[in-house]
Amino acid sequence: MSKASGGTTLDDSAAGGPVPRGHEDALLPVLTIASHPDLARIGDRAFLGELIRGREALLSREHPHFAAPRAAIGEPLGDPFLSRRPFHLHALPNGSIRLRRQDSPIRLAVDGMPVDVEWTVPAAALDDGVVLEVAGRIALLLHRRPAPASFPLKPAPSFAGGLVGESPAIEAMREAISRVAALAVPVLVRGETGTGKELVARALHQESPRARGPFVAVNLGSLPPSLAAAELFGARRGAYTGAVQDQSGYFVRAEGGTLFLDEIGEAPAEVQVMLLRALETGEIVPVGAQNPRWVDVRIVSATDADLEDSISHGGFRAPLLHRLAGYSIRLAPLRERREDIGRLLAWFLRQELSELTDLGDTLPAVDSAEPWLPVPLVSRLVRYAWPGNVRQLQNVVRQLVIDSRGLTVLRAAPSLDALLPEPAAAATPAEPVPPAPVPMPRMRKPSEVSEEELLAALRAHQWNLKATAAALGIARTSLYILLEQSSRVRSASDIPPEEVRAAFARCGGDLEALAAELEISERALRQRLKDLGLR
């Protein structure tokens, strides 16, 4: 073990030891700090490589060692209120992880459920991650992610400040931006509302040769349909009622730079035709004009709509989609990148403290008393599904800061308590089973769901596990248990490579159709395709 500045090198215990031969592309168990009395530690992580080598991992004041991404030095949790006598973590043959107290006095809760003697986290639950509340002072996300890269690690891209996170989804997005930013091709950014599509568009502009030119953003959903063409392409005087002078339009204003067209699926039919011409020829025709005008503009568009479905119903033109999607970037919803929530929380807290208080952007210092950022609150934030994604999280943080003015710790107001209901636990206790609270309304037990009902629900919801669990009236953890117990449900790793490749060819690479044919979730399928070199 090599030491420097009191820490440990990342290729030792901060990463859980060297990755075993043959497991370089495996998903490793990892602990990511979501909250710590020293708020600067949020986002540090410890890879538990020892678990896939058949050894136990320890959780205490001194173990394991956590390092910031791309840092070579790791340090233990180090909180003086945390015992040195550890909890023990063991990997089970089915991929689950068992937590055992043994003689540790550490108070531990898994997704808000206290651990008495031991607790088993199902393998499937590690895909989303479960929150470990440690001694009421530290929140850790136990999850899986790819093994750490070998040194030297690449520095974070220069545009990373506006795109907070270190999850595989964020890393893939940054790589995509770096790959296409300098190319003169249109880019289509796809993702749910609130995922940060305009931030990606600005990063593409910043990293392109057009960075010195203008960046012009327009939301097509906010333009009146009757005026959309004039707003975009300009208009001559008298072209329509109220046009008392020539109007330049957004294309001309973006000359030499980037035009960001948000909510592209809202473009009226007339505008779609004109956009297609602009993309194909570089020419626009202002409303009321006779002659075209050439413009030097790079188009970045974004949507949260299913454009393919709109095409099938005649609402969107297929040739326009093909032109807009010279290159596509998909943004993952926040619920698929839980390990980033702690970092985003700290980022937005700094912003809101700077804007709304006299503290500036400095987070409160470490306090030996009650942590300024309460662990139960962080646990709820990490477990919440965030239908509004990053934008919703930012709004919640703003409300937290406002509601906590004058207090020594952050407090959730009753309105936030209603917004963030306590979800069902995302882990299952090992024997003996502790008494479980009665949820309202009552959730069904796994034993109440027949295998036929399980399969029917999975097929009806196209193997979307969240939707299936809701339809069956069971917790997602219970669904994971049923999947593991079922003899008629395959995991992605059970499917022979040749079967995956054949189905991939038949479906033309369509992920949704492929998941339906192979009868596995899209999330598991993505990893399987990546393992086989098909993505």
Protein backbone atom coordinates (compact mmCIF):
# COMPACT_ATOMS: atom_id res chain seq x y z
CA MET A 1 0.00 0.00 0.00
CA SER A 2 1.53 3.30 -1.08
CA LYS A 3 0.73 6.41 0.89
CA ALA A 4 0.83 10.08 0.07
CA SER A 5 -0.54 12.96 2.11
CA GLY A 6 -2.14 10.48 4.45
CA GLY A 7 -4.18 8.93 1.64
CA THR A 8 -4.05 5.79 -0.46
CA THR A 9 -3.43 5.51 -4.18
CA LEU A 10 -6.51 4.84 -6.24
CA ASP A 11 -5.16 1.59 -7.65
CA ASP A 12 -5.10 0.19 -4.11
CA SER A 13 -8.01 0.31 -1.67
CA ALA A 14 -9.67 3.42 -3.09
CA ALA A 15 -10.56 1.30 -6.08
CA GLY A 16 -10.97 -1.90 -4.13
CA GLY A 17 -7.68 -3.25 -5.40
CA PRO A 18 -6.62 -4.09 -8.96
CA VAL A 19 -9.38 -5.38 -11.20
CA PRO A 20 -9.04 -9.16 -11.62
CA ARG A 21 -7.91 -10.42 -15.01
CA GLY A 22 -10.91 -11.01 -17.24
CA HIS A 23 -13.08 -8.52 -15.33
CA GLU A 24 -11.75 -5.29 -16.87
CA ASP A 25 -15.12 -4.60 -18.56
CA ALA A 26 -17.22 -5.83 -15.63
CA LEU A 27 -19.62 -3.73 -13.61
CA LEU A 28 -18.05 -3.37 -10.16
CA PRO A 29 -19.82 -2.67 -6.86
CA VAL A 30 -19.00 0.89 -5.81
CA LEU A 31 -19.85 3.22 -2.93
CA THR A 32 -20.37 6.87 -3.88
CA ILE A 33 -20.63 9.57 -1.20
CA ALA A 34 -23.95 11.40 -1.51
CA SER A 35 -23.59 13.29 1.77
CA HIS A 36 -20.80 13.77 4.33
CA PRO A 37 -20.23 16.24 7.20
CA ASP A 38 -17.36 17.51 5.04
CA LEU A 39 -19.43 18.49 2.01
CA ALA A 40 -16.31 18.64 -0.16
CA ARG A 41 -16.25 14.83 -0.01
CA ILE A 42 -19.56 14.50 -1.90
CA GLY A 43 -18.99 12.55 -5.10
CA ASP A 44 -15.91 10.68 -3.88
CA ARG A 45 -16.20 6.95 -4.53
CA ALA A 46 -14.69 3.62 -3.58
CA PHE A 47 -14.68 0.66 -5.94
CA LEU A 48 -15.18 -2.62 -4.07
CA GLY A 49 -13.09 -4.78 -6.34
CA GLU A 50 -12.39 -7.20 -3.51
CA LEU A 51 -16.01 -8.41 -3.66
CA ILE A 52 -15.60 -9.90 -7.14
CA ARG A 53 -12.39 -11.57 -5.95
CA GLY A 54 -14.36 -13.46 -3.31
CA ARG A 55 -13.15 -11.34 -0.39
CA GLU A 56 -15.14 -9.18 1.99
CA ALA A 57 -15.23 -5.40 1.99
CA LEU A 58 -15.37 -3.32 5.17
CA LEU A 59 -17.35 -0.19 5.98
CA SER A 60 -16.16 1.90 8.91
CA ARG A 61 -14.37 5.12 9.77
CA GLU A 62 -11.18 3.71 8.25
CA HIS A 63 -12.46 1.57 5.37
CA PRO A 64 -12.74 1.73 2.43
CA HIS A 65 -10.79 4.60 0.90
CA PHE A 66 -12.75 7.05 -1.27
CA ALA A 67 -11.22 9.13 -4.05
CA ALA A 68 -12.55 11.89 -6.26
CA PRO A 69 -12.93 10.91 -9.93
CA ARG A 70 -9.61 11.20 -11.80
CA ALA A 71 -7.77 11.55 -8.46
CA ALA A 72 -4.91 9.22 -7.58
CA ILE A 73 -5.20 9.60 -3.80
CA GLY A 74 -7.99 8.18 -1.68
CA GLU A 75 -8.95 8.75 1.95
CA PRO A 76 -11.29 6.96 4.39
CA LEU A 77 -14.58 8.48 5.53
CA GLY A 78 -12.72 9.69 8.59
CA ASP A 79 -15.72 10.95 10.54
CA PRO A 80 -14.86 10.84 14.28
CA PHE A 81 -18.44 9.86 15.16
CA LEU A 82 -18.12 6.72 13.02
CA SER A 83 -16.80 3.57 14.72
CA ARG A 84 -13.64 1.79 13.60
CA ARG A 85 -15.40 -1.55 14.05
CA PRO A 86 -16.75 -2.24 10.56
CA PHE A 87 -19.84 -3.55 8.87
CA HIS A 88 -18.89 -6.47 6.59
CA LEU A 89 -19.96 -6.66 2.93
CA HIS A 90 -20.02 -10.00 1.09
CA ALA A 91 -20.88 -10.77 -2.54
CA LEU A 92 -23.26 -13.70 -2.99
CA PRO A 93 -23.08 -16.09 -5.97
CA ASN A 94 -26.18 -14.52 -7.57
CA GLY A 95 -24.59 -11.05 -7.54
CA SER A 96 -26.44 -9.80 -4.46
CA ILE A 97 -24.51 -8.10 -1.65
CA ARG A 98 -25.03 -9.00 1.99
CA LEU A 99 -24.33 -6.51 4.78
CA ARG A 100 -23.44 -8.06 8.15
CA ARG A 101 -23.15 -6.22 11.43
CA GLN A 102 -21.11 -8.79 13.39
CA ASP A 103 -19.79 -6.68 16.32
CA SER A 104 -20.07 -3.25 14.69
CA PRO A 105 -21.94 -0.58 16.69
CA ILE A 106 -22.51 1.53 13.55
CA ARG A 107 -26.15 2.48 12.97
CA LEU A 108 -26.96 1.56 9.37
CA ALA A 109 -30.12 1.94 7.31
CA VAL A 110 -30.75 0.76 3.76
CA ASP A 111 -33.09 3.08 1.85
CA GLY A 112 -34.43 4.30 5.18
CA MET A 113 -34.93 0.79 6.66
CA PRO A 114 -32.80 0.11 9.79
CA VAL A 115 -30.46 -2.87 9.62
CA ASP A 116 -30.45 -5.07 12.70
CA VAL A 117 -28.19 -8.07 12.08
CA GLU A 118 -27.83 -8.31 8.32
CA TRP A 119 -29.42 -7.22 5.07
CA THR A 120 -29.24 -8.49 1.50
CA VAL A 121 -29.33 -6.09 -1.43
CA PRO A 122 -30.58 -7.94 -4.57
CA ALA A 123 -28.29 -7.81 -7.59
CA ALA A 124 -30.92 -6.10 -9.72
CA ALA A 125 -31.32 -3.32 -7.14
CA LEU A 126 -27.66 -2.39 -7.63
CA ASP A 127 -28.43 -1.11 -11.15
CA ASP A 128 -30.37 1.81 -9.67
CA GLY A 129 -28.46 1.76 -6.40
CA VAL A 130 -29.55 1.74 -2.77
CA VAL A 131 -28.77 4.40 -0.17
CA LEU A 132 -26.82 3.42 2.94
CA GLU A 133 -27.40 5.86 5.81
CA VAL A 134 -24.31 5.48 8.01
CA ALA A 135 -24.51 6.58 11.65
CA GLY A 136 -27.01 9.28 10.69
CA ARG A 137 -24.10 11.35 9.34
CA ILE A 138 -23.08 9.94 5.97
CA ALA A 139 -25.13 8.85 2.95
CA LEU A 140 -23.55 6.39 0.52
CA LEU A 141 -25.01 5.07 -2.73
CA LEU A 142 -24.21 1.37 -3.18
CA HIS A 143 -24.44 0.64 -6.90
CA ARG A 144 -22.59 -0.83 -9.88
CA ARG A 145 -20.61 0.91 -12.60
CA PRO A 146 -17.77 0.04 -15.01
CA ALA A 147 -14.32 -0.54 -13.60
CA PRO A 148 -12.14 2.58 -13.23
CA ALA A 149 -9.97 3.50 -16.19
CA SER A 150 -6.24 2.86 -16.06
CA PHE A 151 -3.88 5.71 -15.29
CA PRO A 152 -3.17 8.27 -16.57
CA LEU A 153 -6.79 9.39 -16.33
CA LYS A 154 -7.98 11.98 -18.84
CA PRO A 155 -8.78 15.41 -17.39
CA ALA A 156 -12.40 16.51 -17.36
CA PRO A 157 -13.39 18.42 -20.54
CA SER A 158 -13.29 22.20 -20.26
CA PHE A 159 -17.08 22.43 -20.61
CA ALA A 160 -17.74 20.07 -17.68
CA GLY A 161 -18.68 22.93 -15.32
CA GLY A 162 -22.15 23.18 -16.78
CA LEU A 163 -22.66 19.44 -17.08
CA VAL A 164 -22.30 18.18 -13.53
CA GLY A 165 -21.74 14.50 -12.84
CA GLU A 166 -19.39 11.55 -13.24
CA SER A 167 -21.85 8.74 -14.03
CA PRO A 168 -21.29 6.58 -17.12
CA ALA A 169 -24.18 8.41 -18.81
CA ILE A 170 -22.56 11.81 -18.28
CA GLU A 171 -19.16 10.51 -19.34
CA ALA A 172 -20.68 9.13 -22.56
CA MET A 173 -22.41 12.44 -23.20
CA ARG A 174 -19.18 14.40 -22.76
CA GLU A 175 -17.39 12.04 -25.12
CA ALA A 176 -20.15 12.50 -27.70
CA ILE A 177 -19.88 16.30 -27.43
CA SER A 178 -16.10 16.16 -27.85
CA ARG A 179 -16.47 13.82 -30.83
CA VAL A 180 -18.90 15.93 -32.85
CA ALA A 181 -18.46 19.54 -31.67
CA ALA A 182 -15.90 20.51 -34.31
CA LEU A 183 -17.76 18.87 -37.20
CA ALA A 184 -20.07 20.81 -39.50
CA VAL A 185 -23.02 18.47 -39.02
CA PRO A 186 -26.44 19.09 -37.45
CA VAL A 187 -26.94 17.55 -34.02
CA LEU A 188 -30.21 16.33 -32.49
CA VAL A 189 -30.26 16.23 -28.68
CA ARG A 190 -32.92 13.91 -27.27
CA GLY A 191 -34.00 13.57 -23.66
CA GLU A 192 -36.81 14.08 -21.20
CA THR A 193 -37.81 17.53 -20.05
CA GLY A 194 -35.34 19.07 -17.60
CA THR A 195 -32.34 16.91 -18.55
CA GLY A 196 -30.20 19.84 -19.74
CA LYS A 197 -30.57 19.81 -23.52
CA GLU A 198 -29.72 23.50 -23.89
CA LEU A 199 -26.58 23.02 -21.78
CA VAL A 200 -25.45 20.37 -24.26
CA ALA A 201 -26.21 22.69 -27.18
CA ARG A 202 -24.13 25.45 -25.56
CA ALA A 203 -21.27 23.01 -24.95
CA LEU A 204 -21.36 21.97 -28.62
CA HIS A 205 -21.13 25.65 -29.59
CA GLN A 206 -18.37 26.38 -27.07
CA GLU A 207 -16.21 23.50 -28.32
CA SER A 208 -16.76 24.24 -32.03
CA PRO A 209 -14.88 26.55 -34.43
CA ARG A 210 -17.98 28.78 -34.18
CA ALA A 211 -17.42 29.57 -30.51
CA ARG A 212 -16.67 33.24 -31.30
CA GLY A 213 -19.95 33.56 -33.19
CA PRO A 214 -23.44 34.00 -31.71
CA PHE A 215 -25.39 31.28 -29.94
CA VAL A 216 -29.09 31.87 -30.56
CA ALA A 217 -31.69 29.75 -28.76
CA VAL A 218 -35.35 29.61 -29.74
CA ASN A 219 -38.14 27.45 -28.33
CA LEU A 220 -40.40 26.48 -31.21
CA GLY A 221 -43.16 25.60 -28.78
CA SER A 222 -43.35 29.25 -27.73
CA LEU A 223 -43.73 30.66 -31.26
CA PRO A 224 -47.26 31.34 -32.55
CA PRO A 225 -47.75 28.94 -35.51
CA SER A 226 -48.84 31.79 -37.78
CA LEU A 227 -45.64 33.74 -37.09
CA ALA A 228 -43.14 30.90 -36.68
CA ALA A 229 -41.83 31.10 -40.26
CA ALA A 230 -41.29 34.87 -40.03
CA GLU A 231 -39.61 34.56 -36.63
CA LEU A 232 -37.18 31.95 -37.91
CA PHE A 233 -36.48 32.99 -41.49
CA GLY A 234 -37.32 36.68 -41.40
CA ALA A 235 -39.97 38.63 -43.32
CA ARG A 236 -40.22 41.48 -45.74
CA ARG A 237 -42.18 44.61 -44.94
CA GLY A 238 -45.86 44.05 -45.66
CA ALA A 239 -45.55 40.25 -45.81
CA TYR A 240 -48.24 39.94 -43.16
CA THR A 241 -50.46 42.19 -41.07
CA GLY A 242 -48.26 44.07 -38.65
CA ALA A 243 -45.02 43.65 -40.66
CA VAL A 244 -44.25 47.38 -40.87
CA GLN A 245 -40.54 46.81 -41.54
CA ASP A 246 -38.15 44.11 -42.65
CA GLN A 247 -37.48 41.47 -39.99
CA SER A 248 -34.19 39.56 -39.91
CA GLY A 249 -35.24 36.34 -38.17
CA TYR A 250 -33.32 33.91 -35.95
CA PHE A 251 -31.33 32.33 -38.80
CA VAL A 252 -29.77 35.66 -39.74
CA ARG A 253 -29.10 36.56 -36.10
CA ALA A 254 -27.20 33.26 -35.71
CA GLU A 255 -25.01 33.95 -38.80
CA GLY A 256 -21.53 32.51 -38.24
CA GLY A 257 -22.63 30.73 -35.08
CA THR A 258 -25.10 28.16 -33.77
CA LEU A 259 -28.90 28.17 -33.88
CA PHE A 260 -30.48 26.03 -31.16
CA LEU A 261 -34.02 24.91 -32.00
CA ASP A 262 -35.62 23.57 -28.84
CA GLU A 263 -38.84 21.53 -28.97
CA ILE A 264 -38.28 20.84 -32.67
CA GLY A 265 -41.26 18.48 -32.65
CA GLU A 266 -43.53 21.54 -32.26
CA ALA A 267 -42.49 23.00 -35.63
CA PRO A 268 -45.54 23.71 -37.85
CA ALA A 269 -45.76 21.86 -41.18
CA GLU A 270 -44.86 24.99 -43.18
CA VAL A 271 -41.78 25.57 -41.05
CA GLN A 272 -40.69 21.94 -41.41
CA VAL A 273 -40.54 22.34 -45.20
CA MET A 274 -38.51 25.53 -44.91
CA LEU A 275 -36.16 23.98 -42.33
CA LEU A 276 -35.55 21.03 -44.62
CA ARG A 277 -34.55 23.37 -47.46
CA ALA A 278 -32.24 25.32 -45.14
CA LEU A 279 -30.53 22.13 -44.00
CA GLU A 280 -30.17 20.75 -47.53
CA THR A 281 -29.01 23.91 -49.33
CA GLY A 282 -27.95 26.40 -46.66
CA GLU A 283 -30.51 28.82 -48.09
CA ILE A 284 -33.51 30.49 -46.50
CA VAL A 285 -36.32 32.48 -48.08
CA PRO A 286 -37.75 35.21 -45.83
CA VAL A 287 -41.53 35.40 -45.78
CA GLY A 288 -42.65 37.68 -48.61
CA ALA A 289 -39.27 37.53 -50.39
CA GLN A 290 -38.68 36.22 -53.90
CA ASN A 291 -35.00 35.33 -53.74
CA PRO A 292 -33.25 32.94 -51.34
CA ARG A 293 -30.47 34.02 -49.01
CA TRP A 294 -27.50 31.84 -48.07
CA VAL A 295 -26.72 31.64 -44.36
CA ASP A 296 -23.78 30.13 -42.49
CA VAL A 297 -25.46 28.56 -39.46
CA ARG A 298 -24.96 25.32 -37.57
CA ILE A 299 -28.25 23.76 -36.43
CA VAL A 300 -28.55 22.02 -33.07
CA SER A 301 -32.08 20.85 -32.28
CA ALA A 302 -33.63 19.20 -29.25
CA THR A 303 -36.80 17.34 -28.34
CA ASP A 304 -38.40 15.29 -25.61
CA ALA A 305 -40.99 13.99 -28.07
CA ASP A 306 -41.14 10.67 -29.91
CA LEU A 307 -40.51 12.03 -33.40
CA GLU A 308 -40.75 8.60 -34.97
CA ASP A 309 -44.26 8.27 -33.59
CA SER A 310 -45.09 11.75 -34.91
CA ILE A 311 -43.86 10.67 -38.33
CA SER A 312 -46.12 7.61 -38.29
CA HIS A 313 -49.10 9.88 -37.56
CA GLY A 314 -48.16 12.49 -40.15
CA GLY A 315 -47.15 15.15 -37.65
CA PHE A 316 -43.45 15.30 -38.53
CA ARG A 317 -41.54 14.87 -41.78
CA ALA A 318 -39.17 11.90 -41.92
CA PRO A 319 -36.66 13.64 -44.26
CA LEU A 320 -36.39 16.51 -41.79
CA LEU A 321 -35.65 14.13 -38.92
CA HIS A 322 -32.93 12.47 -40.99
CA ARG A 323 -31.36 15.85 -41.75
CA LEU A 324 -31.58 17.13 -38.17
CA ALA A 325 -30.08 13.92 -36.78
CA GLY A 326 -26.75 14.15 -38.57
CA TYR A 327 -25.58 13.06 -35.14
CA SER A 328 -27.76 12.24 -32.13
CA ILE A 329 -27.00 12.64 -28.44
CA ARG A 330 -29.28 11.04 -25.85
CA LEU A 331 -29.47 12.51 -22.36
CA ALA A 332 -30.23 10.05 -19.59
CA PRO A 333 -32.96 10.97 -17.09
CA LEU A 334 -31.79 11.73 -13.57
CA ARG A 335 -33.32 8.51 -12.22
CA GLU A 336 -30.77 6.58 -14.35
CA ARG A 337 -27.79 8.49 -12.90
CA ARG A 338 -28.42 8.48 -9.17
CA GLU A 339 -24.72 8.64 -8.39
CA ASP A 340 -24.72 12.21 -9.76
CA ILE A 341 -27.47 13.49 -7.45
CA GLY A 342 -25.08 14.25 -4.57
CA ARG A 343 -22.80 16.28 -6.85
CA LEU A 344 -25.74 18.11 -8.40
CA LEU A 345 -27.13 18.81 -4.93
CA ALA A 346 -23.85 20.41 -3.82
CA TRP A 347 -23.57 22.34 -7.11
CA PHE A 348 -27.07 23.83 -6.81
CA LEU A 349 -26.64 24.52 -3.08
CA ARG A 350 -23.61 26.69 -3.89
CA GLN A 351 -25.58 28.51 -6.59
CA GLU A 352 -28.62 29.16 -4.41
CA LEU A 353 -26.61 30.12 -1.34
CA SER A 354 -24.76 32.67 -3.49
CA GLU A 355 -27.96 34.13 -4.93
CA LEU A 356 -30.29 33.99 -1.92
CA THR A 357 -28.10 34.40 1.17
CA ASP A 358 -25.09 36.37 2.36
CA LEU A 359 -22.97 33.20 2.61
CA GLY A 360 -21.64 33.41 -0.94
CA ASP A 361 -21.05 30.13 -2.77
CA THR A 362 -19.20 28.50 0.16
CA LEU A 363 -20.92 25.52 1.71
CA PRO A 364 -20.94 25.45 5.54
CA ALA A 365 -17.79 24.05 7.13
CA VAL A 366 -17.58 20.67 8.83
CA ASP A 367 -19.36 20.72 12.17
CA SER A 368 -18.87 18.17 14.92
CA ALA A 369 -22.54 18.49 15.83
CA GLU A 370 -25.52 17.73 13.59
CA PRO A 371 -24.53 17.74 9.88
CA TRP A 372 -25.75 20.81 7.99
CA LEU A 373 -27.05 18.54 5.22
CA PRO A 374 -29.30 15.97 6.97
CA VAL A 375 -28.68 12.41 5.84
CA PRO A 376 -32.37 11.31 5.84
CA LEU A 377 -33.17 14.25 3.54
CA VAL A 378 -30.35 13.35 1.15
CA SER A 379 -31.50 9.72 1.16
CA ARG A 380 -34.98 10.78 0.07
CA LEU A 381 -33.59 13.06 -2.64
CA VAL A 382 -31.40 10.31 -4.05
CA ARG A 383 -34.26 7.77 -4.05
CA TYR A 384 -36.83 10.09 -5.63
CA ALA A 385 -37.69 9.39 -9.30
CA TRP A 386 -37.37 13.06 -10.44
CA PRO A 387 -39.90 13.21 -13.30
CA GLY A 388 -38.73 16.80 -13.91
CA ASN A 389 -35.09 15.70 -13.86
CA VAL A 390 -32.26 18.17 -13.14
CA ARG A 391 -34.47 21.25 -13.49
CA GLN A 392 -36.82 19.89 -10.82
CA LEU A 393 -33.89 19.12 -8.49
CA GLN A 394 -32.64 22.69 -8.87
CA ASN A 395 -36.09 24.03 -7.95
CA VAL A 396 -36.25 21.76 -4.90
CA VAL A 397 -32.81 22.93 -3.74
CA ARG A 398 -33.90 26.55 -4.11
CA GLN A 399 -36.95 25.88 -1.96
CA LEU A 400 -34.81 24.09 0.64
CA VAL A 401 -32.46 27.06 0.92
CA ILE A 402 -35.32 29.56 1.20
CA ASP A 403 -37.20 27.48 3.77
CA SER A 404 -34.02 27.01 5.86
CA ARG A 405 -32.94 30.64 6.13
CA GLY A 406 -31.99 31.40 9.71
CA LEU A 407 -31.69 27.70 10.62
CA THR A 408 -28.49 25.81 11.41
CA VAL A 409 -29.37 22.88 9.12
CA LEU A 410 -31.36 22.39 5.95
CA ARG A 411 -34.99 21.49 6.60
CA ALA A 412 -37.67 20.28 4.21
CA ALA A 413 -40.91 22.24 4.49
CA PRO A 414 -44.22 20.30 4.56
CA SER A 415 -44.73 21.10 0.88
CA LEU A 416 -41.49 19.26 0.07
CA ASP A 417 -42.46 16.38 2.33
CA ALA A 418 -45.53 15.96 0.14
CA LEU A 419 -43.40 16.15 -3.02
CA LEU A 420 -40.90 13.55 -1.81
CA PRO A 421 -42.96 10.66 -0.44
CA GLU A 422 -41.11 7.83 1.19
CA PRO A 423 -40.76 5.10 -1.48
CA ALA A 424 -40.72 1.39 -0.81
CA ALA A 425 -37.36 0.04 0.34
CA ALA A 426 -35.01 -0.99 -2.48
CA ALA A 427 -33.41 -3.89 -0.66
CA THR A 428 -34.59 -7.01 1.08
CA PRO A 429 -33.62 -8.11 4.57
CA ALA A 430 -31.90 -11.41 5.10
CA GLU A 431 -33.32 -13.90 7.58
CA PRO A 432 -34.63 -13.23 10.12
CA VAL A 433 -36.99 -10.74 8.47
CA PRO A 434 -37.52 -7.62 10.62
CA PRO A 435 -41.04 -6.21 10.96
CA ALA A 436 -41.89 -4.05 7.96
CA PRO A 437 -43.94 -0.88 8.12
CA VAL A 438 -47.36 -1.09 6.54
CA PRO A 439 -47.36 1.16 3.44
CA MET A 440 -50.41 3.17 2.46
CA PRO A 441 -51.87 1.97 0.21
CA ARG A 442 -50.84 -1.60 0.91
CA MET A 443 -48.29 -3.05 -1.48
CA ARG A 444 -48.75 -6.63 -2.57
CA LYS A 445 -46.28 -9.28 -1.46
CA PRO A 446 -44.21 -11.16 -4.05
CA SER A 447 -45.99 -14.38 -3.05
CA GLU A 448 -49.28 -12.82 -4.17
CA VAL A 449 -48.09 -12.48 -7.77
CA SER A 450 -48.23 -15.59 -9.95
CA GLU A 451 -45.61 -16.26 -12.60
CA GLU A 452 -48.25 -15.95 -15.32
CA GLU A 453 -49.31 -12.55 -13.99
CA LEU A 454 -45.67 -11.47 -13.80
CA LEU A 455 -44.97 -12.43 -17.42
CA ALA A 456 -48.17 -10.84 -18.66
CA ALA A 457 -47.33 -7.54 -16.94
CA LEU A 458 -43.76 -7.56 -18.24
CA ARG A 459 -44.96 -8.11 -21.80
CA ALA A 460 -47.74 -5.55 -21.51
CA HIS A 461 -45.26 -2.91 -20.39
CA GLN A 462 -42.48 -3.96 -22.80
CA TRP A 463 -40.20 -5.08 -19.97
CA ASN A 464 -40.13 -1.64 -18.36
CA LEU A 465 -39.52 -2.68 -14.75
CA LYS A 466 -40.80 0.52 -13.14
CA ALA A 467 -44.08 0.38 -15.06
CA THR A 468 -44.42 -3.36 -14.44
CA ALA A 469 -43.97 -2.97 -10.68
CA ALA A 470 -46.58 -0.20 -10.61
CA ALA A 471 -49.05 -2.28 -12.62
CA LEU A 472 -48.62 -5.27 -10.32
CA GLY A 473 -48.93 -3.12 -7.19
CA ILE A 474 -45.59 -4.27 -5.78
CA ALA A 475 -42.37 -2.53 -4.83
CA ARG A 476 -39.63 -2.62 -7.41
CA THR A 477 -37.53 -4.60 -4.94
CA SER A 478 -40.25 -7.26 -4.88
CA LEU A 479 -40.18 -7.32 -8.66
CA TYR A 480 -36.43 -7.96 -8.59
CA ILE A 481 -37.02 -10.89 -6.25
CA LEU A 482 -39.70 -12.35 -8.54
CA LEU A 483 -37.40 -12.01 -11.54
CA GLU A 484 -34.60 -13.83 -9.74
CA GLN A 485 -36.94 -16.62 -8.64
CA SER A 486 -38.69 -17.10 -11.99
CA SER A 487 -37.65 -20.04 -14.14
CA ARG A 488 -39.24 -18.41 -17.18
CA VAL A 489 -37.46 -15.05 -17.09
CA ARG A 490 -33.95 -14.75 -18.45
CA SER A 491 -31.32 -12.22 -17.46
CA ALA A 492 -29.36 -10.49 -20.21
CA SER A 493 -26.25 -12.55 -19.42
CA ASP A 494 -28.23 -15.79 -19.86
CA ILE A 495 -28.93 -15.10 -23.54
CA PRO A 496 -26.35 -16.67 -25.87
CA PRO A 497 -24.35 -14.13 -27.92
CA GLU A 498 -25.47 -15.68 -31.20
CA GLU A 499 -29.13 -15.25 -30.23
CA VAL A 500 -28.55 -11.59 -29.35
CA ARG A 501 -26.72 -10.94 -32.64
CA ALA A 502 -29.40 -12.65 -34.71
CA ALA A 503 -32.18 -10.70 -33.01
CA PHE A 504 -30.17 -7.49 -33.38
CA ALA A 505 -29.97 -8.06 -37.14
CA ARG A 506 -33.69 -8.88 -37.41
CA CYS A 507 -34.67 -5.74 -35.49
CA GLY A 508 -32.27 -3.50 -37.37
CA GLY A 509 -30.74 -2.33 -34.10
CA ASP A 510 -34.07 -1.00 -32.78
CA LEU A 511 -33.59 -1.23 -29.00
CA GLU A 512 -37.28 -1.28 -28.12
CA ALA A 513 -38.11 -4.00 -30.65
CA LEU A 514 -35.04 -5.99 -29.61
CA ALA A 515 -35.98 -5.84 -25.91
CA ALA A 516 -39.50 -7.01 -26.74
CA GLU A 517 -38.24 -9.95 -28.81
CA LEU A 518 -35.63 -11.09 -26.28
CA GLU A 519 -37.96 -10.29 -23.36
CA ILE A 520 -35.49 -8.38 -21.20
CA SER A 521 -35.39 -4.78 -20.01
CA GLU A 522 -33.89 -2.12 -22.28
CA ARG A 523 -31.47 -1.11 -19.55
CA ALA A 524 -30.02 -4.62 -19.21
CA LEU A 525 -30.02 -4.96 -22.99
CA ARG A 526 -27.90 -1.84 -23.47
CA GLN A 527 -25.14 -3.29 -21.30
CA ARG A 528 -25.36 -6.67 -23.07
CA LEU A 529 -25.07 -5.01 -26.48
CA LYS A 530 -22.09 -3.02 -25.26
CA ASP A 531 -20.41 -6.18 -23.96
CA LEU A 532 -20.89 -7.82 -27.39
CA GLY A 533 -19.59 -4.78 -29.27
CA LEU A 534 -22.98 -4.03 -30.85
CA ARG A 535 -23.23 -0.48 -29.47
